[in-house]
Amino acid sequence: MIIEARNISKSFGALQVLKGVDFSAGKGEIVSIVGASGAGKTTLLQILGTLMAPDSGSLAIDGTLVSGLGSRQLAAFRGSKIGFVFQAHHLLPEFNALENVMIPALIAGKSARDAEKKARELLLVVGLSERMEHKPSELSGGEQQRVAIARALVNSPAVVFADEPTGNLDSATKEEIHQLFFSLRERLGQTIIIVTHDPALAAMCDRTLTMKDGQFV
């Protein structure tokens, strides 16, 4: 298993958001998590992505027990093993597409030459070979999301977490991004976990898990 989470609980004050959730996903699997707003989907995604610690429970990613890592080790682990795609692209406006994709690789200690080579390869894979020198303001919403997906993949992560990745896009662009996730799985064997309100995207996934009141139903 690439991800193995057991009995994950999380409360904010008196509000228990996650109630002993179990979750696992294998290599190359695409899993969607759906449910009403407030069901706990994003909190679970943040815990699985090591952005937030659970109150209790265990999480292993690619064979590493995450709870055993110190803060510096955890940051390094997150940078090398986990990719994120959010609804808002979070691209840096002063850098072009190629530079935006390179940044996580440079932070992880790769040479500028290696980072650029990998970034160029991924921008080709996501269909932006002609747009590498463009800044985010010169790209459409769909193109910006493609850059964000390439950036999430630049360190060859064990898993990519996507939180409402097509929530801001028109229906035609949504469909393109949906297909892109599955082509990445075919080409790279990528494991992808998607939180979505989009029934069409959820229906395409290998498994769909529904959350209600902090648990899977």
C-alpha atoms as a PDB file:
ATOM      1  CA  MET A   1       0.000   0.000   0.000  1.00  0.00           C
ATOM      2  CA  ILE A   2       1.193   3.537  -0.777  1.00  0.00           C
ATOM      3  CA  ILE A   3      -1.015   5.026   1.983  1.00  0.00           C
ATOM      4  CA  GLU A   4      -2.217   3.264   5.095  1.00  0.00           C
ATOM      5  CA  ALA A   5      -4.165   5.342   7.643  1.00  0.00           C
ATOM      6  CA  ARG A   6      -5.725   3.743  10.693  1.00  0.00           C
ATOM      7  CA  ASN A   7      -8.242   5.137  13.187  1.00  0.00           C
ATOM      8  CA  ILE A   8      -7.622   8.806  12.307  1.00  0.00           C
ATOM      9  CA  SER A   9      -9.419  11.187  14.677  1.00  0.00           C
ATOM     10  CA  LYS A  10      -9.382  14.986  14.732  1.00  0.00           C
ATOM     11  CA  SER A  11     -11.284  17.539  16.799  1.00  0.00           C
ATOM     12  CA  PHE A  12     -11.350  21.329  16.774  1.00  0.00           C
ATOM     13  CA  GLY A  13     -12.430  22.287  20.266  1.00  0.00           C
ATOM     14  CA  ALA A  14     -15.643  20.425  21.062  1.00  0.00           C
ATOM     15  CA  LEU A  15     -16.294  19.596  17.388  1.00  0.00           C
ATOM     16  CA  GLN A  16     -15.095  16.123  16.381  1.00  0.00           C
ATOM     17  CA  VAL A  17     -14.422  16.397  12.642  1.00  0.00           C
ATOM     18  CA  LEU A  18     -12.963  12.909  12.038  1.00  0.00           C
ATOM     19  CA  LYS A  19     -14.151   9.883  14.005  1.00  0.00           C
ATOM     20  CA  GLY A  20     -11.699   7.000  13.681  1.00  0.00           C
ATOM     21  CA  VAL A  21     -11.278   6.967   9.894  1.00  0.00           C
ATOM     22  CA  ASP A  22      -9.436   4.129   8.117  1.00  0.00           C
ATOM     23  CA  PHE A  23      -8.074   4.736   4.615  1.00  0.00           C
ATOM     24  CA  SER A  24      -5.688   2.963   2.270  1.00  0.00           C
ATOM     25  CA  ALA A  25      -4.672   3.230  -1.373  1.00  0.00           C
ATOM     26  CA  GLY A  26      -2.386   1.133  -3.555  1.00  0.00           C
ATOM     27  CA  LYS A  27       0.151   2.180  -6.177  1.00  0.00           C
ATOM     28  CA  GLY A  28      -1.425   3.596  -9.309  1.00  0.00           C
ATOM     29  CA  GLU A  29      -4.878   3.824  -7.733  1.00  0.00           C
ATOM     30  CA  ILE A  30      -7.093   6.877  -8.219  1.00  0.00           C
ATOM     31  CA  VAL A  31      -9.518   7.303  -5.318  1.00  0.00           C
ATOM     32  CA  SER A  32     -12.135  10.037  -4.936  1.00  0.00           C
ATOM     33  CA  ILE A  33     -13.533  11.227  -1.618  1.00  0.00           C
ATOM     34  CA  VAL A  34     -16.963  12.853  -1.794  1.00  0.00           C
ATOM     35  CA  GLY A  35     -19.536  14.174   0.649  1.00  0.00           C
ATOM     36  CA  ALA A  36     -21.332  17.320   1.743  1.00  0.00           C
ATOM     37  CA  SER A  37     -19.418  20.399   2.873  1.00  0.00           C
ATOM     38  CA  GLY A  38     -18.352  19.954   6.489  1.00  0.00           C
ATOM     39  CA  ALA A  39     -18.203  16.141   6.283  1.00  0.00           C
ATOM     40  CA  GLY A  40     -14.455  16.153   7.023  1.00  0.00           C
ATOM     41  CA  LYS A  41     -13.038  15.559   3.512  1.00  0.00           C
ATOM     42  CA  THR A  42     -10.519  18.386   3.430  1.00  0.00           C
ATOM     43  CA  THR A  43      -9.412  17.779   7.036  1.00  0.00           C
ATOM     44  CA  LEU A  44      -8.735  14.142   6.143  1.00  0.00           C
ATOM     45  CA  LEU A  45      -6.839  15.177   2.995  1.00  0.00           C
ATOM     46  CA  GLN A  46      -4.680  17.583   4.999  1.00  0.00           C
ATOM     47  CA  ILE A  47      -3.875  14.851   7.532  1.00  0.00           C
ATOM     48  CA  LEU A  48      -3.111  12.283   4.819  1.00  0.00           C
ATOM     49  CA  GLY A  49      -0.922  14.912   3.154  1.00  0.00           C
ATOM     50  CA  THR A  50       0.936  15.550   6.466  1.00  0.00           C
ATOM     51  CA  LEU A  51      -0.127  19.218   6.506  1.00  0.00           C
ATOM     52  CA  MET A  52      -2.008  18.613   9.770  1.00  0.00           C
ATOM     53  CA  ALA A  53      -1.433  16.116  12.572  1.00  0.00           C
ATOM     54  CA  PRO A  54      -4.286  13.882  13.746  1.00  0.00           C
ATOM     55  CA  ASP A  55      -5.246  13.754  17.426  1.00  0.00           C
ATOM     56  CA  SER A  56      -4.892   9.970  17.283  1.00  0.00           C
ATOM     57  CA  GLY A  57      -4.329   7.202  14.774  1.00  0.00           C
ATOM     58  CA  SER A  58      -1.432   6.156  12.542  1.00  0.00           C
ATOM     59  CA  LEU A  59      -0.379   7.146   9.023  1.00  0.00           C
ATOM     60  CA  ALA A  60       2.169   5.387   6.828  1.00  0.00           C
ATOM     61  CA  ILE A  61       3.094   6.651   3.351  1.00  0.00           C
ATOM     62  CA  ASP A  62       5.257   4.569   1.020  1.00  0.00           C
ATOM     63  CA  GLY A  63       6.406   2.448   3.965  1.00  0.00           C
ATOM     64  CA  THR A  64       7.317   5.341   6.300  1.00  0.00           C
ATOM     65  CA  LEU A  65       5.417   5.831   9.564  1.00  0.00           C
ATOM     66  CA  VAL A  66       4.822   9.577   9.413  1.00  0.00           C
ATOM     67  CA  SER A  67       4.151  10.051  13.131  1.00  0.00           C
ATOM     68  CA  GLY A  68       7.731   9.047  13.889  1.00  0.00           C
ATOM     69  CA  LEU A  69       9.235  11.989  11.969  1.00  0.00           C
ATOM     70  CA  GLY A  70      10.449  15.252  13.485  1.00  0.00           C
ATOM     71  CA  SER A  71       9.309  18.539  11.943  1.00  0.00           C
ATOM     72  CA  ARG A  72      12.376  18.959   9.715  1.00  0.00           C
ATOM     73  CA  GLN A  73      12.274  15.314   8.632  1.00  0.00           C
ATOM     74  CA  LEU A  74       8.546  15.632   7.952  1.00  0.00           C
ATOM     75  CA  ALA A  75       9.037  18.710   5.753  1.00  0.00           C
ATOM     76  CA  ALA A  76      11.699  16.889   3.729  1.00  0.00           C
ATOM     77  CA  PHE A  77       9.513  13.785   3.473  1.00  0.00           C
ATOM     78  CA  ARG A  78       6.525  15.857   2.316  1.00  0.00           C
ATOM     79  CA  GLY A  79       8.643  17.592  -0.315  1.00  0.00           C
ATOM     80  CA  SER A  80       9.931  14.339  -1.772  1.00  0.00           C
ATOM     81  CA  LYS A  81       6.971  11.959  -1.372  1.00  0.00           C
ATOM     82  CA  ILE A  82       3.808  14.090  -1.656  1.00  0.00           C
ATOM     83  CA  GLY A  83       2.405  16.347  -4.362  1.00  0.00           C
ATOM     84  CA  PHE A  84      -0.520  18.746  -3.929  1.00  0.00           C
ATOM     85  CA  VAL A  85      -3.008  20.220  -6.382  1.00  0.00           C
ATOM     86  CA  PHE A  86      -5.496  22.725  -4.961  1.00  0.00           C
ATOM     87  CA  GLN A  87      -8.548  24.475  -6.382  1.00  0.00           C
ATOM     88  CA  ALA A  88      -6.569  27.733  -6.362  1.00  0.00           C
ATOM     89  CA  HIS A  89      -3.407  27.161  -8.364  1.00  0.00           C
ATOM     90  CA  HIS A  90      -1.029  28.989  -5.952  1.00  0.00           C
ATOM     91  CA  LEU A  91       1.399  29.726  -8.799  1.00  0.00           C
ATOM     92  CA  LEU A  92       3.966  32.445  -8.118  1.00  0.00           C
ATOM     93  CA  PRO A  93       3.015  35.335 -10.435  1.00  0.00           C
ATOM     94  CA  GLU A  94       6.540  36.673 -10.989  1.00  0.00           C
ATOM     95  CA  PHE A  95       7.813  33.331 -12.362  1.00  0.00           C
ATOM     96  CA  ASN A  96       6.953  31.679 -15.670  1.00  0.00           C
ATOM     97  CA  ALA A  97       5.438  28.198 -15.992  1.00  0.00           C
ATOM     98  CA  LEU A  98       8.809  26.445 -16.246  1.00  0.00           C
ATOM     99  CA  GLU A  99      10.178  28.231 -13.172  1.00  0.00           C
ATOM    100  CA  ASN A 100       7.027  27.520 -11.146  1.00  0.00           C
ATOM    101  CA  VAL A 101       7.381  23.791 -11.843  1.00  0.00           C
ATOM    102  CA  MET A 102      11.116  23.832 -11.045  1.00  0.00           C
ATOM    103  CA  ILE A 103      10.751  25.427  -7.593  1.00  0.00           C
ATOM    104  CA  PRO A 104       9.870  22.299  -5.527  1.00  0.00           C
ATOM    105  CA  ALA A 105      12.759  20.411  -7.161  1.00  0.00           C
ATOM    106  CA  LEU A 106      15.201  23.207  -6.287  1.00  0.00           C
ATOM    107  CA  ILE A 107      13.884  23.286  -2.705  1.00  0.00           C
ATOM    108  CA  ALA A 108      14.470  19.512  -2.533  1.00  0.00           C
ATOM    109  CA  GLY A 109      18.129  20.088  -3.429  1.00  0.00           C
ATOM    110  CA  LYS A 110      18.164  19.104  -7.095  1.00  0.00           C
ATOM    111  CA  SER A 111      20.528  20.987  -9.403  1.00  0.00           C
ATOM    112  CA  ALA A 112      19.053  23.721 -11.603  1.00  0.00           C
ATOM    113  CA  ARG A 113      19.923  21.635 -14.652  1.00  0.00           C
ATOM    114  CA  ASP A 114      18.118  18.521 -13.379  1.00  0.00           C
ATOM    115  CA  ALA A 115      15.150  20.558 -12.128  1.00  0.00           C
ATOM    116  CA  GLU A 116      14.748  22.257 -15.495  1.00  0.00           C
ATOM    117  CA  LYS A 117      15.019  18.968 -17.387  1.00  0.00           C
ATOM    118  CA  LYS A 118      12.306  17.331 -15.280  1.00  0.00           C
ATOM    119  CA  ALA A 119      10.076  20.434 -15.416  1.00  0.00           C
ATOM    120  CA  ARG A 120      10.325  20.569 -19.221  1.00  0.00           C
ATOM    121  CA  GLU A 121       9.453  16.862 -19.470  1.00  0.00           C
ATOM    122  CA  LEU A 122       6.376  17.289 -17.270  1.00  0.00           C
ATOM    123  CA  LEU A 123       5.132  20.420 -19.032  1.00  0.00           C
ATOM    124  CA  LEU A 124       5.355  18.411 -22.246  1.00  0.00           C
ATOM    125  CA  VAL A 125       3.347  15.589 -20.614  1.00  0.00           C
ATOM    126  CA  VAL A 126       0.595  18.004 -19.479  1.00  0.00           C
ATOM    127  CA  GLY A 127       0.401  19.601 -22.932  1.00  0.00           C
ATOM    128  CA  LEU A 128       2.108  22.943 -22.293  1.00  0.00           C
ATOM    129  CA  SER A 129       5.276  22.639 -24.378  1.00  0.00           C
ATOM    130  CA  GLU A 130       4.435  25.941 -26.125  1.00  0.00           C
ATOM    131  CA  ARG A 131       3.620  27.851 -22.932  1.00  0.00           C
ATOM    132  CA  MET A 132       6.668  27.247 -20.732  1.00  0.00           C
ATOM    133  CA  GLU A 133       7.920  30.841 -20.860  1.00  0.00           C
ATOM    134  CA  HIS A 134       4.500  32.355 -20.062  1.00  0.00           C
ATOM    135  CA  LYS A 135       3.704  33.784 -16.644  1.00  0.00           C
ATOM    136  CA  PRO A 136       0.489  32.721 -14.853  1.00  0.00           C
ATOM    137  CA  SER A 137      -1.299  35.952 -15.855  1.00  0.00           C
ATOM    138  CA  GLU A 138      -0.771  34.965 -19.514  1.00  0.00           C
ATOM    139  CA  LEU A 139      -2.293  31.496 -19.055  1.00  0.00           C
ATOM    140  CA  SER A 140      -5.927  30.367 -18.953  1.00  0.00           C
ATOM    141  CA  GLY A 141      -7.359  28.804 -15.792  1.00  0.00           C
ATOM    142  CA  GLY A 142      -6.993  25.326 -17.269  1.00  0.00           C
ATOM    143  CA  GLU A 143      -3.394  26.003 -18.309  1.00  0.00           C
ATOM    144  CA  GLN A 144      -2.579  27.289 -14.828  1.00  0.00           C
ATOM    145  CA  GLN A 145      -4.000  24.096 -13.322  1.00  0.00           C
ATOM    146  CA  ARG A 146      -1.864  22.036 -15.712  1.00  0.00           C
ATOM    147  CA  VAL A 147       1.205  23.912 -14.480  1.00  0.00           C
ATOM    148  CA  ALA A 148       0.118  23.192 -10.887  1.00  0.00           C
ATOM    149  CA  ILE A 149      -0.232  19.478 -11.709  1.00  0.00           C
ATOM    150  CA  ALA A 150       3.228  19.397 -13.314  1.00  0.00           C
ATOM    151  CA  ARG A 151       4.634  21.155 -10.234  1.00  0.00           C
ATOM    152  CA  ALA A 152       3.005  18.529  -7.975  1.00  0.00           C
ATOM    153  CA  LEU A 153       4.778  15.785  -9.958  1.00  0.00           C
ATOM    154  CA  VAL A 154       8.264  17.301 -10.292  1.00  0.00           C
ATOM    155  CA  ASN A 155       9.766  15.373  -7.355  1.00  0.00           C
ATOM    156  CA  SER A 156       8.193  12.064  -8.479  1.00  0.00           C
ATOM    157  CA  PRO A 157       5.971  11.792  -5.394  1.00  0.00           C
ATOM    158  CA  ALA A 158       4.543   8.543  -4.078  1.00  0.00           C
ATOM    159  CA  VAL A 159       1.088  10.157  -4.007  1.00  0.00           C
ATOM    160  CA  VAL A 160      -0.657  13.288  -5.303  1.00  0.00           C
ATOM    161  CA  PHE A 161      -3.494  14.808  -3.282  1.00  0.00           C
ATOM    162  CA  ALA A 162      -5.945  16.971  -5.229  1.00  0.00           C
ATOM    163  CA  ASP A 163      -8.498  19.137  -3.376  1.00  0.00           C
ATOM    164  CA  GLU A 164     -11.330  20.242  -5.703  1.00  0.00           C
ATOM    165  CA  PRO A 165      -8.834  20.406  -8.592  1.00  0.00           C
ATOM    166  CA  THR A 166     -11.446  21.430 -11.188  1.00  0.00           C
ATOM    167  CA  GLY A 167     -13.750  23.473  -8.944  1.00  0.00           C
ATOM    168  CA  ASN A 168     -12.950  26.790 -10.665  1.00  0.00           C
ATOM    169  CA  LEU A 169     -12.985  25.566 -14.270  1.00  0.00           C
ATOM    170  CA  ASP A 170     -15.606  25.542 -17.035  1.00  0.00           C
ATOM    171  CA  SER A 171     -17.064  22.187 -18.072  1.00  0.00           C
ATOM    172  CA  ALA A 172     -14.893  21.652 -21.174  1.00  0.00           C
ATOM    173  CA  THR A 173     -11.690  22.469 -19.278  1.00  0.00           C
ATOM    174  CA  LYS A 174     -12.803  20.276 -16.362  1.00  0.00           C
ATOM    175  CA  GLU A 175     -13.105  17.322 -18.716  1.00  0.00           C
ATOM    176  CA  GLU A 176      -9.564  17.926 -20.042  1.00  0.00           C
ATOM    177  CA  ILE A 177      -8.120  18.016 -16.509  1.00  0.00           C
ATOM    178  CA  HIS A 178     -10.085  14.887 -15.529  1.00  0.00           C
ATOM    179  CA  GLN A 179      -8.591  13.021 -18.500  1.00  0.00           C
ATOM    180  CA  LEU A 180      -5.141  14.353 -17.630  1.00  0.00           C
ATOM    181  CA  PHE A 181      -5.191  12.687 -14.201  1.00  0.00           C
ATOM    182  CA  PHE A 182      -5.875   9.323 -15.802  1.00  0.00           C
ATOM    183  CA  SER A 183      -3.220   9.754 -18.490  1.00  0.00           C
ATOM    184  CA  LEU A 184      -0.720  10.522 -15.712  1.00  0.00           C
ATOM    185  CA  ARG A 185      -1.659   7.273 -14.033  1.00  0.00           C
ATOM    186  CA  GLU A 186      -1.088   5.415 -17.305  1.00  0.00           C
ATOM    187  CA  ARG A 187       2.260   7.101 -18.016  1.00  0.00           C
ATOM    188  CA  LEU A 188       3.715   7.430 -14.511  1.00  0.00           C
ATOM    189  CA  GLY A 189       1.837   4.874 -12.398  1.00  0.00           C
ATOM    190  CA  GLN A 190       0.817   7.781 -10.206  1.00  0.00           C
ATOM    191  CA  THR A 191      -1.364   7.276  -7.119  1.00  0.00           C
ATOM    192  CA  ILE A 192      -3.892  10.133  -6.869  1.00  0.00           C
ATOM    193  CA  ILE A 193      -6.371  10.933  -4.100  1.00  0.00           C
ATOM    194  CA  ILE A 194      -9.037  13.467  -5.085  1.00  0.00           C
ATOM    195  CA  VAL A 195     -11.519  15.343  -2.911  1.00  0.00           C
ATOM    196  CA  THR A 196     -14.286  16.530  -5.221  1.00  0.00           C
ATOM    197  CA  HIS A 197     -17.889  17.681  -5.451  1.00  0.00           C
ATOM    198  CA  ASP A 198     -17.869  16.790  -9.168  1.00  0.00           C
ATOM    199  CA  PRO A 199     -19.895  13.574  -9.741  1.00  0.00           C
ATOM    200  CA  ALA A 200     -18.408  13.082 -13.220  1.00  0.00           C
ATOM    201  CA  LEU A 201     -14.853  13.071 -11.862  1.00  0.00           C
ATOM    202  CA  ALA A 202     -15.804  10.835  -8.923  1.00  0.00           C
ATOM    203  CA  ALA A 203     -17.453   8.337 -11.292  1.00  0.00           C
ATOM    204  CA  MET A 204     -14.237   8.002 -13.328  1.00  0.00           C
ATOM    205  CA  CYS A 205     -12.130   6.971 -10.326  1.00  0.00           C
ATOM    206  CA  ASP A 206     -11.251   3.405  -9.349  1.00  0.00           C
ATOM    207  CA  ARG A 207     -13.059   3.855  -6.027  1.00  0.00           C
ATOM    208  CA  THR A 208     -15.302   6.529  -4.562  1.00  0.00           C
ATOM    209  CA  LEU A 209     -15.566   6.891  -0.780  1.00  0.00           C
ATOM    210  CA  THR A 210     -18.358   8.971   0.719  1.00  0.00           C
ATOM    211  CA  MET A 211     -17.838  10.879   3.961  1.00  0.00           C
ATOM    212  CA  LYS A 212     -20.639  11.844   6.294  1.00  0.00           C
ATOM    213  CA  ASP A 213     -20.221  13.332   9.784  1.00  0.00           C
ATOM    214  CA  GLY A 214     -16.517  12.516   9.978  1.00  0.00           C
ATOM    215  CA  GLN A 215     -16.718   8.889   8.832  1.00  0.00           C
ATOM    216  CA  PHE A 216     -16.892   6.895   5.615  1.00  0.00           C
ATOM    217  CA  VAL A 217     -20.365   5.502   4.944  1.00  0.00           C
END
